[in-house]
Amino acid sequence: NISEGSFVTQSTVLGYMGTTGCSTGPHLHLEISSCFWKNGGCNYATYKSKIINPNTLINLPGSWTNR
């Protein structure tokens, strides 16, 4: 349960793995953007154009893939 402005550390849980919809197995979707389109902060096209690669902000384990 983190939100904009939250302080996170190495022990902060960012999300949980799961499988819903048409997924082929458990996974965690992590997406970071500089605008929040769900509450009218920007439109979806602008949101998508402002997505930030999490690898530039977080040291993810080497076994994780970015797809």
PDB file of N, CA and C in Angstrom:
ATOM      1  N   ASN A   1       0.838  -1.195   0.000  1.00  0.00           N
ATOM      2  CA  ASN A   1       0.000   0.000   0.000  1.00  0.00           C
ATOM      3  C   ASN A   1       0.873   1.245   0.000  1.00  0.00           C
ATOM      4  N   ILE A   2       1.486   1.514  -1.135  1.00  0.00           N
ATOM      5  CA  ILE A   2       2.281   2.733  -1.257  1.00  0.00           C
ATOM      6  C   ILE A   2       1.567   3.683  -2.205  1.00  0.00           C
ATOM      7  N   SER A   3       1.869   4.957  -2.067  1.00  0.00           N
ATOM      8  CA  SER A   3       1.258   5.956  -2.939  1.00  0.00           C
ATOM      9  C   SER A   3       2.273   7.056  -3.214  1.00  0.00           C
ATOM     10  N   GLU A   4       1.885   8.008  -4.032  1.00  0.00           N
ATOM     11  CA  GLU A   4       2.773   9.105  -4.384  1.00  0.00           C
ATOM     12  C   GLU A   4       3.312   9.763  -3.128  1.00  0.00           C
ATOM     13  N   GLY A   5       4.626   9.943  -3.101  1.00  0.00           N
ATOM     14  CA  GLY A   5       5.274  10.583  -1.961  1.00  0.00           C
ATOM     15  C   GLY A   5       5.679   9.628  -0.856  1.00  0.00           C
ATOM     16  N   SER A   6       5.306   8.344  -0.979  1.00  0.00           N
ATOM     17  CA  SER A   6       5.674   7.369   0.038  1.00  0.00           C
ATOM     18  C   SER A   6       7.182   7.161   0.057  1.00  0.00           C
ATOM     19  N   PHE A   7       7.747   6.973   1.226  1.00  0.00           N
ATOM     20  CA  PHE A   7       9.158   6.641   1.377  1.00  0.00           C
ATOM     21  C   PHE A   7       9.268   5.132   1.419  1.00  0.00           C
ATOM     22  N   VAL A   8      10.108   4.571   0.573  1.00  0.00           N
ATOM     23  CA  VAL A   8      10.276   3.120   0.534  1.00  0.00           C
ATOM     24  C   VAL A   8      11.723   2.754   0.827  1.00  0.00           C
ATOM     25  N   THR A   9      11.907   1.582   1.400  1.00  0.00           N
ATOM     26  CA  THR A   9      13.233   1.047   1.692  1.00  0.00           C
ATOM     27  C   THR A   9      13.331  -0.340   1.071  1.00  0.00           C
ATOM     28  N   GLN A  10      14.469  -1.012   1.273  1.00  0.00           N
ATOM     29  CA  GLN A  10      14.633  -2.359   0.737  1.00  0.00           C
ATOM     30  C   GLN A  10      13.590  -3.334   1.274  1.00  0.00           C
ATOM     31  N   SER A  11      13.083  -3.087   2.465  1.00  0.00           N
ATOM     32  CA  SER A  11      12.123  -4.031   3.051  1.00  0.00           C
ATOM     33  C   SER A  11      10.665  -3.665   2.753  1.00  0.00           C
ATOM     34  N   THR A  12      10.407  -2.578   2.024  1.00  0.00           N
ATOM     35  CA  THR A  12       9.042  -2.180   1.686  1.00  0.00           C
ATOM     36  C   THR A  12       8.473  -3.109   0.615  1.00  0.00           C
ATOM     37  N   VAL A  13       7.299  -3.658   0.867  1.00  0.00           N
ATOM     38  CA  VAL A  13       6.619  -4.505  -0.120  1.00  0.00           C
ATOM     39  C   VAL A  13       5.957  -3.581  -1.141  1.00  0.00           C
ATOM     40  N   LEU A  14       6.361  -3.724  -2.409  1.00  0.00           N
ATOM     41  CA  LEU A  14       5.789  -2.893  -3.475  1.00  0.00           C
ATOM     42  C   LEU A  14       4.575  -3.539  -4.110  1.00  0.00           C
ATOM     43  N   GLY A  15       4.481  -4.859  -4.060  1.00  0.00           N
ATOM     44  CA  GLY A  15       3.365  -5.563  -4.670  1.00  0.00           C
ATOM     45  C   GLY A  15       3.490  -7.049  -4.425  1.00  0.00           C
ATOM     46  N   TYR A  16       2.503  -7.782  -4.854  1.00  0.00           N
ATOM     47  CA  TYR A  16       2.477  -9.229  -4.696  1.00  0.00           C
ATOM     48  C   TYR A  16       2.310  -9.891  -6.049  1.00  0.00           C
ATOM     49  N   MET A  17       2.962 -11.031  -6.215  1.00  0.00           N
ATOM     50  CA  MET A  17       2.801 -11.779  -7.455  1.00  0.00           C
ATOM     51  C   MET A  17       1.439 -12.445  -7.467  1.00  0.00           C
ATOM     52  N   GLY A  18       0.892 -12.596  -8.661  1.00  0.00           N
ATOM     53  CA  GLY A  18      -0.383 -13.274  -8.801  1.00  0.00           C
ATOM     54  C   GLY A  18      -0.659 -13.549 -10.262  1.00  0.00           C
ATOM     55  N   THR A  19      -1.786 -14.183 -10.516  1.00  0.00           N
ATOM     56  CA  THR A  19      -2.174 -14.464 -11.891  1.00  0.00           C
ATOM     57  C   THR A  19      -3.676 -14.260 -12.029  1.00  0.00           C
ATOM     58  N   THR A  20      -4.061 -13.356 -12.909  1.00  0.00           N
ATOM     59  CA  THR A  20      -5.479 -13.074 -13.154  1.00  0.00           C
ATOM     60  C   THR A  20      -5.681 -12.889 -14.654  1.00  0.00           C
ATOM     61  N   GLY A  21      -6.905 -12.866 -15.065  1.00  0.00           N
ATOM     62  CA  GLY A  21      -7.215 -12.617 -16.475  1.00  0.00           C
ATOM     63  C   GLY A  21      -6.617 -13.675 -17.380  1.00  0.00           C
ATOM     64  N   CYS A  22      -5.946 -13.243 -18.436  1.00  0.00           N
ATOM     65  CA  CYS A  22      -5.387 -14.156 -19.431  1.00  0.00           C
ATOM     66  C   CYS A  22      -3.899 -14.400 -19.233  1.00  0.00           C
ATOM     67  N   SER A  23      -3.370 -14.176 -18.031  1.00  0.00           N
ATOM     68  CA  SER A  23      -1.939 -14.380 -17.810  1.00  0.00           C
ATOM     69  C   SER A  23      -1.599 -15.862 -17.886  1.00  0.00           C
ATOM     70  N   THR A  24      -0.337 -16.136 -18.187  1.00  0.00           N
ATOM     71  CA  THR A  24       0.104 -17.534 -18.328  1.00  0.00           C
ATOM     72  C   THR A  24       0.812 -18.041 -17.086  1.00  0.00           C
ATOM     73  N   GLY A  25       0.911 -17.218 -16.058  1.00  0.00           N
ATOM     74  CA  GLY A  25       1.538 -17.634 -14.814  1.00  0.00           C
ATOM     75  C   GLY A  25       1.701 -16.461 -13.866  1.00  0.00           C
ATOM     76  N   PRO A  26       2.101 -16.743 -12.626  1.00  0.00           N
ATOM     77  CA  PRO A  26       2.268 -15.679 -11.639  1.00  0.00           C
ATOM     78  C   PRO A  26       3.291 -14.645 -12.098  1.00  0.00           C
ATOM     79  N   HIS A  27       2.990 -13.387 -11.865  1.00  0.00           N
ATOM     80  CA  HIS A  27       3.902 -12.314 -12.236  1.00  0.00           C
ATOM     81  C   HIS A  27       3.552 -11.053 -11.445  1.00  0.00           C
ATOM     82  N   LEU A  28       4.463 -10.113 -11.450  1.00  0.00           N
ATOM     83  CA  LEU A  28       4.234  -8.810 -10.835  1.00  0.00           C
ATOM     84  C   LEU A  28       4.438  -7.757 -11.899  1.00  0.00           C
ATOM     85  N   HIS A  29       3.455  -6.919 -12.117  1.00  0.00           N
ATOM     86  CA  HIS A  29       3.550  -5.833 -13.100  1.00  0.00           C
ATOM     87  C   HIS A  29       3.905  -4.564 -12.341  1.00  0.00           C
ATOM     88  N   LEU A  30       5.095  -4.033 -12.602  1.00  0.00           N
ATOM     89  CA  LEU A  30       5.537  -2.794 -11.965  1.00  0.00           C
ATOM     90  C   LEU A  30       5.694  -1.744 -13.052  1.00  0.00           C
ATOM     91  N   GLU A  31       4.962  -0.660 -12.907  1.00  0.00           N
ATOM     92  CA  GLU A  31       5.019   0.411 -13.896  1.00  0.00           C
ATOM     93  C   GLU A  31       5.126   1.734 -13.154  1.00  0.00           C
ATOM     94  N   ILE A  32       6.051   2.583 -13.592  1.00  0.00           N
ATOM     95  CA  ILE A  32       6.256   3.889 -12.967  1.00  0.00           C
ATOM     96  C   ILE A  32       6.096   4.955 -14.039  1.00  0.00           C
ATOM     97  N   SER A  33       5.281   5.962 -13.739  1.00  0.00           N
ATOM     98  CA  SER A  33       5.076   7.067 -14.678  1.00  0.00           C
ATOM     99  C   SER A  33       5.095   8.374 -13.899  1.00  0.00           C
ATOM    100  N   SER A  34       5.438   9.456 -14.581  1.00  0.00           N
ATOM    101  CA  SER A  34       5.487  10.751 -13.904  1.00  0.00           C
ATOM    102  C   SER A  34       4.135  11.476 -13.915  1.00  0.00           C
ATOM    103  N   CYS A  35       3.076  10.827 -14.377  1.00  0.00           N
ATOM    104  CA  CYS A  35       1.731  11.400 -14.252  1.00  0.00           C
ATOM    105  C   CYS A  35       0.746  10.285 -13.896  1.00  0.00           C
ATOM    106  N   PHE A  36      -0.374  10.638 -13.313  1.00  0.00           N
ATOM    107  CA  PHE A  36      -1.349   9.660 -12.835  1.00  0.00           C
ATOM    108  C   PHE A  36      -2.637   9.821 -13.622  1.00  0.00           C
ATOM    109  N   TRP A  37      -2.812   8.999 -14.640  1.00  0.00           N
ATOM    110  CA  TRP A  37      -3.935   9.178 -15.561  1.00  0.00           C
ATOM    111  C   TRP A  37      -5.285   8.772 -14.988  1.00  0.00           C
ATOM    112  N   LYS A  38      -5.341   7.897 -13.998  1.00  0.00           N
ATOM    113  CA  LYS A  38      -6.629   7.406 -13.508  1.00  0.00           C
ATOM    114  C   LYS A  38      -7.467   8.483 -12.828  1.00  0.00           C
ATOM    115  N   ASN A  39      -6.828   9.490 -12.268  1.00  0.00           N
ATOM    116  CA  ASN A  39      -7.588  10.553 -11.594  1.00  0.00           C
ATOM    117  C   ASN A  39      -7.574  11.858 -12.380  1.00  0.00           C
ATOM    118  N   GLY A  40      -7.435  11.763 -13.705  1.00  0.00           N
ATOM    119  CA  GLY A  40      -7.481  12.947 -14.544  1.00  0.00           C
ATOM    120  C   GLY A  40      -6.202  13.763 -14.570  1.00  0.00           C
ATOM    121  N   GLY A  41      -5.089  13.210 -14.038  1.00  0.00           N
ATOM    122  CA  GLY A  41      -3.825  13.931 -14.038  1.00  0.00           C
ATOM    123  C   GLY A  41      -3.272  14.133 -15.440  1.00  0.00           C
ATOM    124  N   CYS A  42      -3.542  13.219 -16.326  1.00  0.00           N
ATOM    125  CA  CYS A  42      -3.151  13.325 -17.728  1.00  0.00           C
ATOM    126  C   CYS A  42      -3.926  12.256 -18.491  1.00  0.00           C
ATOM    127  N   ASN A  43      -3.921  12.333 -19.813  1.00  0.00           N
ATOM    128  CA  ASN A  43      -4.633  11.299 -20.566  1.00  0.00           C
ATOM    129  C   ASN A  43      -3.748  10.052 -20.691  1.00  0.00           C
ATOM    130  N   TYR A  44      -4.320   8.971 -21.140  1.00  0.00           N
ATOM    131  CA  TYR A  44      -3.599   7.694 -21.178  1.00  0.00           C
ATOM    132  C   TYR A  44      -2.387   7.756 -22.107  1.00  0.00           C
ATOM    133  N   ALA A  45      -2.498   8.447 -23.238  1.00  0.00           N
ATOM    134  CA  ALA A  45      -1.368   8.554 -24.167  1.00  0.00           C
ATOM    135  C   ALA A  45      -0.190   9.279 -23.508  1.00  0.00           C
ATOM    136  N   THR A  46      -0.478  10.349 -22.763  1.00  0.00           N
ATOM    137  CA  THR A  46       0.582  11.079 -22.068  1.00  0.00           C
ATOM    138  C   THR A  46       1.176  10.213 -20.967  1.00  0.00           C
ATOM    139  N   TYR A  47       0.308   9.512 -20.232  1.00  0.00           N
ATOM    140  CA  TYR A  47       0.779   8.600 -19.182  1.00  0.00           C
ATOM    141  C   TYR A  47       1.769   7.598 -19.772  1.00  0.00           C
ATOM    142  N   LYS A  48       1.386   6.950 -20.873  1.00  0.00           N
ATOM    143  CA  LYS A  48       2.255   5.939 -21.493  1.00  0.00           C
ATOM    144  C   LYS A  48       3.579   6.551 -21.959  1.00  0.00           C
ATOM    145  N   SER A  49       3.538   7.789 -22.451  1.00  0.00           N
ATOM    146  CA  SER A  49       4.765   8.431 -22.943  1.00  0.00           C
ATOM    147  C   SER A  49       5.703   8.824 -21.802  1.00  0.00           C
ATOM    148  N   LYS A  50       5.187   8.878 -20.576  1.00  0.00           N
ATOM    149  CA  LYS A  50       5.993   9.279 -19.426  1.00  0.00           C
ATOM    150  C   LYS A  50       6.375   8.104 -18.526  1.00  0.00           C
ATOM    151  N   ILE A  51       6.222   6.869 -19.040  1.00  0.00           N
ATOM    152  CA  ILE A  51       6.614   5.690 -18.264  1.00  0.00           C
ATOM    153  C   ILE A  51       8.126   5.677 -18.094  1.00  0.00           C
ATOM    154  N   ILE A  52       8.555   5.384 -16.880  1.00  0.00           N
ATOM    155  CA  ILE A  52       9.968   5.339 -16.520  1.00  0.00           C
ATOM    156  C   ILE A  52      10.366   3.873 -16.320  1.00  0.00           C
ATOM    157  N   ASN A  53      11.472   3.461 -16.900  1.00  0.00           N
ATOM    158  CA  ASN A  53      11.963   2.100 -16.735  1.00  0.00           C
ATOM    159  C   ASN A  53      12.365   1.902 -15.272  1.00  0.00           C
ATOM    160  N   PRO A  54      11.723   0.976 -14.531  1.00  0.00           N
ATOM    161  CA  PRO A  54      12.065   0.769 -13.120  1.00  0.00           C
ATOM    162  C   PRO A  54      13.545   0.449 -12.896  1.00  0.00           C
ATOM    163  N   ASN A  55      14.197  -0.167 -13.891  1.00  0.00           N
ATOM    164  CA  ASN A  55      15.619  -0.509 -13.735  1.00  0.00           C
ATOM    165  C   ASN A  55      16.497   0.717 -13.562  1.00  0.00           C
ATOM    166  N   THR A  56      16.023   1.904 -13.974  1.00  0.00           N
ATOM    167  CA  THR A  56      16.815   3.121 -13.803  1.00  0.00           C
ATOM    168  C   THR A  56      16.678   3.687 -12.391  1.00  0.00           C
ATOM    169  N   LEU A  57      15.726   3.192 -11.615  1.00  0.00           N
ATOM    170  CA  LEU A  57      15.473   3.697 -10.267  1.00  0.00           C
ATOM    171  C   LEU A  57      15.706   2.666  -9.169  1.00  0.00           C
ATOM    172  N   ILE A  58      15.567   1.383  -9.517  1.00  0.00           N
ATOM    173  CA  ILE A  58      15.590   0.301  -8.531  1.00  0.00           C
ATOM    174  C   ILE A  58      16.593  -0.755  -8.977  1.00  0.00           C
ATOM    175  N   ASN A  59      17.397  -1.251  -8.047  1.00  0.00           N
ATOM    176  CA  ASN A  59      18.303  -2.354  -8.356  1.00  0.00           C
ATOM    177  C   ASN A  59      17.523  -3.661  -8.252  1.00  0.00           C
ATOM    178  N   LEU A  60      17.016  -4.131  -9.388  1.00  0.00           N
ATOM    179  CA  LEU A  60      16.240  -5.365  -9.421  1.00  0.00           C
ATOM    180  C   LEU A  60      17.181  -6.562  -9.517  1.00  0.00           C
ATOM    181  N   PRO A  61      16.772  -7.707  -8.972  1.00  0.00           N
ATOM    182  CA  PRO A  61      17.612  -8.911  -9.085  1.00  0.00           C
ATOM    183  C   PRO A  61      17.922  -9.230 -10.547  1.00  0.00           C
ATOM    184  N   GLY A  62      19.118  -9.716 -10.809  1.00  0.00           N
ATOM    185  CA  GLY A  62      19.548 -10.028 -12.170  1.00  0.00           C
ATOM    186  C   GLY A  62      18.705 -11.076 -12.849  1.00  0.00           C
ATOM    187  N   SER A  63      18.019 -11.912 -12.067  1.00  0.00           N
ATOM    188  CA  SER A  63      17.197 -12.971 -12.649  1.00  0.00           C
ATOM    189  C   SER A  63      15.858 -12.447 -13.173  1.00  0.00           C
ATOM    190  N   TRP A  64      15.502 -11.200 -12.826  1.00  0.00           N
ATOM    191  CA  TRP A  64      14.247 -10.630 -13.318  1.00  0.00           C
ATOM    192  C   TRP A  64      14.413 -10.177 -14.741  1.00  0.00           C
ATOM    193  N   THR A  65      13.357 -10.285 -15.515  1.00  0.00           N
ATOM    194  CA  THR A  65      13.406  -9.846 -16.911  1.00  0.00           C
ATOM    195  C   THR A  65      12.501  -8.642 -17.092  1.00  0.00           C
ATOM    196  N   ASN A  66      12.832  -7.820 -18.044  1.00  0.00           N
ATOM    197  CA  ASN A  66      12.032  -6.639 -18.344  1.00  0.00           C
ATOM    198  C   ASN A  66      11.370  -6.857 -19.692  1.00  0.00           C
ATOM    199  N   ARG A  67      10.107  -7.270 -19.666  1.00  0.00           N
ATOM    200  CA  ARG A  67       9.380  -7.539 -20.921  1.00  0.00           C
ATOM    201  C   ARG A  67       8.241  -6.574 -21.072  1.00  0.00           C
TER     202      ARG A  67
END
